[in-house]
Each structure stands twice: as structure tokens, then as C-alpha cells.
């Protein structure tokens, strides 16, 4: 399994004009947890509890049904490890650490 940290450009290329929340409806395309376990978890603010409970905050699918963005919460508020799944190829493209505090000026409080 290849572990790939996506650049901001690569991450943003998985978006479409409309992103659909498919958290409650989507079938798992791939098992993301082996990928998550292969990461250096502490580097991505992931602890054992998150992995053991297989916590997923949200799953967003682009409107052309090519990518799922699977948001895994971290121990840092408003910071998510996002796993990108290619729907057609049924594999993981890579991951991206999204810090909403930094990206959008959201308060850490």
C-alpha cells in the first residue's frame, strides 16, 4: 500500500463545484483504516482511540462521483485528516491534513 501525502493542489483537485454529504448513505469504497494505521499517527494528531473506534466525522463526495473525502477527526480542534478515495479505481489516492483554524481563520476556542 502506497502512503501519499497530497499537496494542497492535489487535494483541491478532488473537489467539484458541489460537494455532497454522503456520510450516512455511502458504502465504503475501500478500507481506510489500514492506511490510517500505516501513517505515523502522532504526526497527524491521531491517537489510539480514534483508530480503535474508527471515528469518521464526515464523508463528502464530489458531484461527478469520482472522489470521496473521508474526514477523520484529530485530537486538535478543527483539524482533520482527510483520506481521499478514488471511487472508480476503488483505491486510496492519499491523505491531506486540513487545519480549518489556519485555512479559514476559525477560532480554536
C-alpha atoms as a PDB file:
ATOM      1  CA  UNK A   1       0.000   0.000   0.000  1.00  0.00           C
ATOM      2  CA  UNK A   2       1.377   3.345  -1.032  1.00  0.00           C
ATOM      3  CA  UNK A   3       1.190   6.166   1.509  1.00  0.00           C
ATOM      4  CA  UNK A   4       0.971   9.535  -0.193  1.00  0.00           C
ATOM      5  CA  UNK A   5       0.673  12.953   1.396  1.00  0.00           C
ATOM      6  CA  UNK A   6      -1.224  15.087  -1.090  1.00  0.00           C
ATOM      7  CA  UNK A   7      -0.221  18.628  -1.901  1.00  0.00           C
ATOM      8  CA  UNK A   8      -2.804  21.363  -1.499  1.00  0.00           C
ATOM      9  CA  UNK A   9      -3.209  21.423  -5.290  1.00  0.00           C
ATOM     10  CA  UNK A  10      -3.769  17.650  -5.462  1.00  0.00           C
ATOM     11  CA  UNK A  11      -6.261  17.815  -2.579  1.00  0.00           C
ATOM     12  CA  UNK A  12      -8.220  20.670  -4.146  1.00  0.00           C
ATOM     13  CA  UNK A  13      -8.357  18.781  -7.448  1.00  0.00           C
ATOM     14  CA  UNK A  14     -10.693  16.253  -5.772  1.00  0.00           C
ATOM     15  CA  UNK A  15     -13.378  18.898  -5.236  1.00  0.00           C
ATOM     16  CA  UNK A  16     -16.228  19.771  -7.542  1.00  0.00           C
ATOM     17  CA  UNK A  17     -18.446  22.824  -7.524  1.00  0.00           C
ATOM     18  CA  UNK A  18     -20.850  20.991  -5.228  1.00  0.00           C
ATOM     19  CA  UNK A  19     -19.731  18.533  -2.592  1.00  0.00           C
ATOM     20  CA  UNK A  20     -22.368  16.141  -1.285  1.00  0.00           C
ATOM     21  CA  UNK A  21     -22.511  14.870   2.293  1.00  0.00           C
ATOM     22  CA  UNK A  22     -22.803  11.093   1.882  1.00  0.00           C
ATOM     23  CA  UNK A  23     -21.826  10.221   5.441  1.00  0.00           C
ATOM     24  CA  UNK A  24     -25.000   8.261   6.145  1.00  0.00           C
ATOM     25  CA  UNK A  25     -25.527   6.885   2.639  1.00  0.00           C
ATOM     26  CA  UNK A  26     -22.175   5.890   1.184  1.00  0.00           C
ATOM     27  CA  UNK A  27     -20.870   2.359   1.098  1.00  0.00           C
ATOM     28  CA  UNK A  28     -17.216   2.052   1.977  1.00  0.00           C
ATOM     29  CA  UNK A  29     -15.213   2.083  -1.252  1.00  0.00           C
ATOM     30  CA  UNK A  30     -12.033   0.894   0.480  1.00  0.00           C
ATOM     31  CA  UNK A  31     -10.874   0.038   3.981  1.00  0.00           C
ATOM     32  CA  UNK A  32      -9.220   3.283   5.057  1.00  0.00           C
ATOM     33  CA  UNK A  33      -8.095   2.027   8.453  1.00  0.00           C
ATOM     34  CA  UNK A  34      -5.095   0.005   7.257  1.00  0.00           C
ATOM     35  CA  UNK A  35      -3.944   3.164   5.509  1.00  0.00           C
ATOM     36  CA  UNK A  36      -4.501   5.288   8.638  1.00  0.00           C
ATOM     37  CA  UNK A  37      -2.659   2.743  10.789  1.00  0.00           C
ATOM     38  CA  UNK A  38       0.290   2.846   8.375  1.00  0.00           C
ATOM     39  CA  UNK A  39       0.688   6.595   8.901  1.00  0.00           C
ATOM     40  CA  UNK A  40       2.850   7.994  11.655  1.00  0.00           C
ATOM     41  CA  UNK A  41      -0.312   8.677  13.694  1.00  0.00           C
ATOM     42  CA  UNK A  42       1.097  11.243  16.129  1.00  0.00           C
ATOM     43  CA  UNK A  43       2.309  13.353  13.204  1.00  0.00           C
ATOM     44  CA  UNK A  44      -1.328  13.661  12.131  1.00  0.00           C
ATOM     45  CA  UNK A  45      -2.758  14.126  15.651  1.00  0.00           C
ATOM     46  CA  UNK A  46      -4.404  10.698  15.570  1.00  0.00           C
ATOM     47  CA  UNK A  47      -4.486   8.733  18.798  1.00  0.00           C
ATOM     48  CA  UNK A  48      -5.313   5.083  19.525  1.00  0.00           C
ATOM     49  CA  UNK A  49      -8.904   5.921  20.496  1.00  0.00           C
ATOM     50  CA  UNK A  50      -9.643   7.418  17.071  1.00  0.00           C
ATOM     51  CA  UNK A  51      -8.211   4.340  15.346  1.00  0.00           C
ATOM     52  CA  UNK A  52      -9.820   1.795  17.695  1.00  0.00           C
ATOM     53  CA  UNK A  53     -13.268   3.400  17.402  1.00  0.00           C
ATOM     54  CA  UNK A  54     -12.778   4.024  13.659  1.00  0.00           C
ATOM     55  CA  UNK A  55     -14.094   7.537  14.000  1.00  0.00           C
ATOM     56  CA  UNK A  56     -15.232   9.252  10.817  1.00  0.00           C
ATOM     57  CA  UNK A  57     -16.632  12.766  11.109  1.00  0.00           C
ATOM     58  CA  UNK A  58     -17.988  13.179   7.572  1.00  0.00           C
ATOM     59  CA  UNK A  59     -17.727  11.771   4.067  1.00  0.00           C
ATOM     60  CA  UNK A  60     -18.073  14.173   1.154  1.00  0.00           C
ATOM     61  CA  UNK A  61     -18.407  13.060  -2.465  1.00  0.00           C
ATOM     62  CA  UNK A  62     -17.813  15.349  -5.391  1.00  0.00           C
ATOM     63  CA  UNK A  63     -20.749  15.878  -7.747  1.00  0.00           C
ATOM     64  CA  UNK A  64     -19.160  13.919 -10.585  1.00  0.00           C
ATOM     65  CA  UNK A  65     -18.789  10.834  -8.348  1.00  0.00           C
ATOM     66  CA  UNK A  66     -15.053  10.442  -8.753  1.00  0.00           C
ATOM     67  CA  UNK A  67     -13.731  11.082  -5.230  1.00  0.00           C
ATOM     68  CA  UNK A  68     -14.787  10.667  -1.633  1.00  0.00           C
ATOM     69  CA  UNK A  69     -13.178  12.846   1.011  1.00  0.00           C
ATOM     70  CA  UNK A  70     -13.268  10.970   4.316  1.00  0.00           C
ATOM     71  CA  UNK A  71     -12.764  13.300   7.283  1.00  0.00           C
ATOM     72  CA  UNK A  72     -11.209  11.745  10.352  1.00  0.00           C
ATOM     73  CA  UNK A  73     -11.231  13.892  13.480  1.00  0.00           C
ATOM     74  CA  UNK A  74      -7.970  14.507  15.299  1.00  0.00           C
ATOM     75  CA  UNK A  75      -7.114  15.462  18.853  1.00  0.00           C
ATOM     76  CA  UNK A  76      -6.766  19.078  17.675  1.00  0.00           C
ATOM     77  CA  UNK A  77      -9.987  21.053  17.348  1.00  0.00           C
ATOM     78  CA  UNK A  78     -10.963  21.834  13.744  1.00  0.00           C
ATOM     79  CA  UNK A  79      -8.114  19.750  12.319  1.00  0.00           C
ATOM     80  CA  UNK A  80      -8.965  16.740  10.146  1.00  0.00           C
ATOM     81  CA  UNK A  81      -7.011  14.001   8.481  1.00  0.00           C
ATOM     82  CA  UNK A  82      -8.708  13.635   5.116  1.00  0.00           C
ATOM     83  CA  UNK A  83      -8.373  10.388   3.231  1.00  0.00           C
ATOM     84  CA  UNK A  84      -9.123  10.689  -0.486  1.00  0.00           C
ATOM     85  CA  UNK A  85     -10.703   7.611  -2.084  1.00  0.00           C
ATOM     86  CA  UNK A  86     -10.922   7.226  -5.851  1.00  0.00           C
ATOM     87  CA  UNK A  87     -14.404   5.815  -6.435  1.00  0.00           C
ATOM     88  CA  UNK A  88     -13.800   4.436  -9.933  1.00  0.00           C
ATOM     89  CA  UNK A  89     -10.431   2.813  -9.150  1.00  0.00           C
ATOM     90  CA  UNK A  90     -11.595   1.752  -5.658  1.00  0.00           C
ATOM     91  CA  UNK A  91      -8.334   2.794  -4.031  1.00  0.00           C
ATOM     92  CA  UNK A  92      -6.869   5.462  -1.797  1.00  0.00           C
ATOM     93  CA  UNK A  93      -5.200   8.358  -3.610  1.00  0.00           C
ATOM     94  CA  UNK A  94      -3.597   9.787  -0.496  1.00  0.00           C
ATOM     95  CA  UNK A  95      -4.218  11.981   2.509  1.00  0.00           C
ATOM     96  CA  UNK A  96      -4.229  15.624   3.469  1.00  0.00           C
ATOM     97  CA  UNK A  97      -4.149  17.330   6.867  1.00  0.00           C
ATOM     98  CA  UNK A  98      -6.699  20.141   6.863  1.00  0.00           C
ATOM     99  CA  UNK A  99      -6.384  22.736   9.601  1.00  0.00           C
ATOM    100  CA  UNK A 100      -9.577  24.795   9.459  1.00  0.00           C
ATOM    101  CA  UNK A 101      -8.211  27.123  12.138  1.00  0.00           C
ATOM    102  CA  UNK A 102      -5.386  28.151   9.833  1.00  0.00           C
ATOM    103  CA  UNK A 103      -7.174  27.804   6.494  1.00  0.00           C
ATOM    104  CA  UNK A 104     -10.338  29.697   7.347  1.00  0.00           C
ATOM    105  CA  UNK A 105      -9.468  31.659  10.483  1.00  0.00           C
ATOM    106  CA  UNK A 106     -11.712  29.557  12.697  1.00  0.00           C
ATOM    107  CA  UNK A 107     -11.205  30.110  16.407  1.00  0.00           C
ATOM    108  CA  UNK A 108      -9.569  27.285  18.349  1.00  0.00           C
ATOM    109  CA  UNK A 109     -11.724  28.001  21.395  1.00  0.00           C
END
